[in-house]
Protein backbone atom coordinates (compact mmCIF):
# COMPACT_ATOMS: atom_id res chain seq x y z
CA MET A 1 26.84 32.81 20.02
CA LYS A 2 24.34 34.24 17.77
CA TYR A 3 24.39 31.13 15.65
CA ILE A 4 23.52 28.78 18.66
CA LEU A 5 20.66 31.01 19.41
CA ILE A 6 19.30 30.70 16.07
CA LEU A 7 19.84 26.91 15.79
CA MET A 8 18.08 26.47 19.26
CA THR A 9 15.25 28.43 18.33
CA SER A 10 14.85 26.56 15.26
CA LEU A 11 14.83 23.10 17.07
CA VAL A 12 12.30 24.52 19.45
CA LEU A 13 10.02 25.77 16.52
CA LEU A 14 10.56 22.43 15.15
CA SER A 15 9.47 20.61 18.02
CA ILE A 16 6.22 22.89 18.43
CA HIS A 17 5.26 22.11 14.88
CA SER A 18 5.83 18.35 15.23
CA ILE A 19 3.51 18.07 18.36
CA SER A 20 0.88 20.11 16.76
CA PHE A 21 1.18 18.29 13.69
CA ALA A 22 0.69 14.84 15.37
CA THR A 23 -2.26 15.71 17.48
CA GLU A 24 -4.17 16.95 14.25
CA THR A 25 -3.30 13.88 12.13
CA GLY A 26 -5.90 11.08 11.67
CA TYR A 27 -6.22 8.23 9.15
CA GLU A 28 -8.99 6.97 7.20
CA VAL A 29 -8.05 3.36 6.33
CA GLU A 30 -9.58 0.82 3.67
CA LEU A 31 -8.68 -2.70 3.77
CA ILE A 32 -9.35 -5.71 1.30
CA ILE A 33 -8.72 -9.17 1.79
CA PHE A 34 -9.08 -11.56 -0.59
CA GLU A 35 -8.34 -15.31 -1.52
CA ASP A 36 -7.22 -17.43 -4.41
CA THR A 37 -10.33 -19.63 -5.21
CA SER A 38 -7.96 -22.14 -7.15
CA SER A 39 -5.50 -22.35 -4.67
CA ARG A 40 -2.82 -22.64 -7.25
CA TYR A 41 0.07 -22.74 -4.71
CA LEU A 42 -1.31 -24.32 -2.02
CA LYS A 43 0.85 -27.61 -2.40
CA SER A 44 3.92 -25.32 -3.44
CA GLU A 45 5.51 -25.94 -0.07
CA ASP A 46 4.36 -25.84 3.63
CA TRP A 47 2.35 -22.53 4.18
CA THR A 48 1.25 -23.62 7.69
CA TYR A 49 4.35 -22.36 8.93
CA ASN A 50 5.09 -18.12 8.46
CA ASP A 51 8.73 -17.20 8.53
CA MET A 52 7.67 -13.75 9.27
CA LEU A 53 6.78 -13.96 12.92
CA LEU A 54 7.99 -10.31 13.79
CA HIS A 55 5.30 -8.96 15.78
CA THR A 56 2.70 -11.62 17.28
CA ASP A 57 1.24 -9.24 19.79
CA ILE A 58 -2.39 -10.33 19.35
CA ASN A 59 -3.64 -9.01 22.68
CA SER A 60 -6.87 -7.26 22.77
CA SER A 61 -6.71 -3.35 22.77
CA ALA A 62 -10.35 -2.61 22.87
CA SER A 63 -9.84 -0.13 25.97
CA THR A 64 -7.73 2.13 23.80
CA GLN A 65 -9.88 1.80 20.85
CA LYS A 66 -12.47 3.22 22.94
CA LYS A 67 -10.23 6.06 24.15
CA ASP A 68 -9.67 7.46 20.61
CA PRO A 69 -12.70 9.70 19.74
CA GLU A 70 -11.51 9.29 16.04
CA TYR A 71 -12.17 5.71 15.55
CA THR A 72 -15.44 5.33 13.74
CA GLN A 73 -16.18 2.80 11.23
CA LEU A 74 -16.61 4.20 7.74
CA ASN A 75 -19.51 2.87 5.30
CA TRP A 76 -17.63 1.34 2.04
CA GLU A 77 -19.74 2.97 -0.64
CA SER A 78 -17.31 5.92 -0.79
CA ALA A 79 -14.26 3.94 -0.41
CA LYS A 80 -11.19 5.10 -2.98
CA LEU A 81 -10.72 1.36 -3.16
CA ASN A 82 -13.93 0.47 -5.04
CA PRO A 83 -12.26 0.10 -8.44
CA GLN A 84 -10.07 -2.73 -6.99
CA PHE A 85 -12.96 -4.04 -4.98
CA LYS A 86 -15.00 -4.36 -8.20
CA LYS A 87 -12.47 -5.88 -10.17
CA LEU A 88 -11.76 -8.45 -7.74
CA SER A 89 -15.18 -9.33 -7.34
CA SER A 90 -15.81 -9.76 -10.96
CA ASN A 91 -12.72 -11.86 -11.33
CA SER A 92 -13.67 -15.63 -10.51
CA ASN A 93 -9.93 -16.47 -9.52
CA PHE A 94 -10.57 -14.42 -6.62
CA LYS A 95 -12.87 -14.31 -3.79
CA ILE A 96 -13.34 -11.27 -1.12
CA LEU A 97 -13.34 -12.21 2.19
CA ILE A 98 -13.22 -8.76 4.09
CA ASN A 99 -13.52 -5.37 2.86
CA LYS A 100 -13.48 -2.60 5.66
CA ARG A 101 -12.88 0.90 6.28
CA TRP A 102 -12.63 3.19 9.45
CA LYS A 103 -10.84 6.15 10.60
CA GLN A 104 -8.75 6.43 13.68
CA THR A 105 -5.88 8.73 15.22
CA GLY A 106 -2.35 8.10 14.24
CA LEU A 107 -0.99 6.27 17.04
CA ASP A 108 2.72 4.73 18.18
CA ARG A 109 3.25 1.01 18.54
CA ASN A 110 2.70 1.29 22.46
CA GLU A 111 -0.96 3.07 21.82
CA THR A 112 -2.45 1.80 18.97
CA PHE A 113 -5.07 -0.83 18.95
CA ASN A 114 -6.13 -3.95 17.10
CA ILE A 115 -8.86 -3.74 14.52
CA PRO A 116 -10.81 -7.20 14.53
CA ILE A 117 -11.20 -9.03 11.34
CA ASN A 118 -13.70 -12.05 10.77
CA SER A 119 -15.00 -13.31 7.66
CA LEU A 120 -17.26 -15.97 9.62
CA PRO A 121 -21.10 -15.47 9.44
CA GLU A 122 -22.72 -13.99 12.38
CA GLU A 123 -24.27 -17.03 13.55
CA THR A 124 -21.09 -19.19 13.45
CA THR A 125 -18.33 -19.19 15.68
CA GLU A 126 -14.51 -19.88 14.88
CA THR A 127 -14.63 -22.33 18.32
CA SER A 128 -17.62 -24.26 17.00
CA LEU A 129 -15.71 -24.85 13.52
CA GLN A 130 -12.37 -25.89 15.20
CA ASN A 131 -14.13 -27.80 17.87
CA PRO A 132 -17.14 -29.27 15.97
CA THR A 133 -19.82 -31.02 17.33
CA GLN A 134 -21.49 -33.97 15.48
CA GLU A 135 -23.95 -31.81 13.95
CA THR A 136 -21.36 -29.51 12.85
CA GLN A 137 -19.44 -32.09 11.86
CA GLN A 138 -21.91 -33.35 9.33
CA ASN A 139 -22.14 -29.73 7.71
CA LEU A 140 -18.39 -29.27 7.87
CA GLN A 141 -18.12 -30.30 4.07
CA ALA A 142 -19.89 -26.94 3.26
CA THR A 143 -18.17 -24.78 5.14
CA GLU A 144 -16.51 -22.19 3.06
CA SER A 145 -12.99 -20.95 4.00
CA TYR A 146 -12.85 -17.77 5.97
CA ILE A 147 -10.08 -15.41 8.04
CA THR A 148 -9.83 -14.11 11.57
CA GLY A 149 -7.36 -12.10 13.36
CA ASN A 150 -6.26 -8.16 13.81
CA VAL A 151 -4.60 -5.75 11.89
CA LYS A 152 -3.36 -2.24 13.05
CA LEU A 153 -1.90 1.04 11.86
CA ILE A 154 1.00 2.05 13.51
CA MET A 155 2.56 5.60 13.27
CA SER A 156 6.17 6.43 13.93
CA ARG A 157 8.88 7.90 11.63
CA TYR A 158 6.89 5.95 9.16
CA LEU A 159 3.57 4.63 8.66
CA HIS A 160 3.42 0.65 9.40
CA PHE A 161 0.62 -1.67 8.85
CA ASN A 162 0.48 -4.86 11.13
CA ILE A 163 -1.07 -7.94 9.85
CA ASN A 164 -1.97 -10.91 12.39
CA LEU A 165 -4.36 -13.16 10.69
CA LYS A 166 -5.21 -17.10 10.29
CA TYR A 167 -6.75 -18.21 7.22
CA PHE A 168 -8.67 -21.45 7.39
CA LYS A 169 -9.81 -23.45 4.19
CA PRO A 170 -11.60 -26.67 4.01
CA GLN A 171 -9.69 -29.71 2.47
CA THR A 172 -9.93 -33.26 1.90
CA ASP A 173 -7.07 -35.52 3.36
CA ASN A 174 -5.95 -38.50 1.79
CA PHE A 175 -8.53 -40.50 3.40
CA GLY A 176 -11.59 -38.91 2.53
CA ASN A 177 -12.04 -36.95 5.55
CA ARG A 178 -12.96 -33.20 5.55
CA GLU A 179 -10.94 -30.70 7.55
CA LEU A 180 -10.34 -27.47 8.44
CA VAL A 181 -6.42 -26.33 7.77
CA SER A 182 -5.05 -23.07 9.07
CA TYR A 183 -2.43 -20.69 7.66
CA PRO A 184 -1.00 -18.02 9.45
CA ILE A 185 -0.78 -14.51 7.54
CA VAL A 186 1.87 -12.65 9.80
CA ASN A 187 3.60 -9.73 8.43
CA GLU A 188 4.63 -6.00 9.08
CA ARG A 189 4.76 -3.56 5.96
CA ARG A 190 6.12 0.05 5.72
CA MET A 191 3.88 2.18 3.86
CA LYS A 192 3.09 5.62 2.45
CA SER A 193 -0.17 7.48 3.13
CA ARG A 194 -2.25 8.01 0.12
CA GLU A 195 -0.67 5.23 -1.71
CA ILE A 196 -2.03 1.71 -2.36
CA HIS A 197 -0.21 -1.02 -0.80
CA TYR A 198 -0.46 -4.95 -1.73
CA VAL A 199 0.54 -7.70 0.49
CA ASP A 200 1.33 -10.89 -1.22
CA HIS A 201 0.80 -14.41 0.03
CA PRO A 202 0.34 -17.69 -1.47
CA MET A 203 -3.47 -17.94 -0.87
CA ILE A 204 -4.14 -14.72 0.31
CA GLY A 205 -3.95 -10.77 -0.92
CA VAL A 206 -4.18 -7.98 1.27
CA VAL A 207 -4.93 -4.18 -0.17
CA VAL A 208 -4.48 -1.39 2.34
CA LEU A 209 -4.79 2.55 1.79
CA ALA A 210 -4.44 4.96 4.63
CA THR A 211 -5.57 8.60 3.80
CA PRO A 212 -4.40 11.30 6.21
CA TYR A 213 -6.66 14.18 7.37
CA LYS A 214 -6.71 16.91 9.78
CA ILE A 215 -8.67 16.26 13.06
CA LYS A 216 -11.27 18.92 14.00
CA GLU A 217 -10.26 21.29 16.60
CA GLU A 218 -12.72 19.76 19.19
CA ASN A 219 -11.24 16.15 19.13
CA LYS A 220 -7.68 16.97 19.63
CA ASN A 221 -7.81 15.58 23.13
CA LYS A 222 -6.54 12.27 22.26
CA PRO A 223 -3.65 9.90 22.62
CA GLY A 224 -0.89 10.53 20.43
CA LYS A 225 3.08 10.99 20.24
CA ASN A 226 4.96 13.78 18.36
CA TYR A 227 5.50 12.06 14.94
CA LYS A 228 5.24 13.74 11.88
CA THR A 229 3.92 11.24 9.41
CA LEU A 230 1.70 12.17 6.50
């Protein structure tokens, strides 16, 4: 009987610790997306189909994002991935499409939210490129490749990073016509915090780092589940 009481007490204390732990955990996330400018593997197979379509929910989660008091876009100057950013920038074989840094609460799959990704210039929209007017069509040959979509950090028993992107690359067909070809980049990677993770694709590379931190006392009234992930 004494053993059972000790065991029950331990379980209750563990549960309390997990709840406290979850409500105190936020993550600083750093992301670099770059392309292989040489397109060495472009014609190696049909990359327009992605066989890793595991999690294709692309619904907007802006309302959830606004409810997370921790969510803030951070400047890149103090990013831990700066050495990798500089190496990629100085290599002519690669071109950085996106570098982004933000902080958020660690949320489970049902509560987490999409982080929008868009490397298009502000004055250019994806719709105008996919359905070009005559004027846009005349300038299409000068269009550079770009990437759009969403990514999100998922906190459960382990951290996961979900990628749901489309990579657009201008190409010339056999008749000399210029067109934008899209390639899906869909993946989900189990990851450890404080470790740099690399998601590979024949034309795109994704580098991501999630660093946990303790949320300040006044910010604890936020969505969250009872997980113990750091």
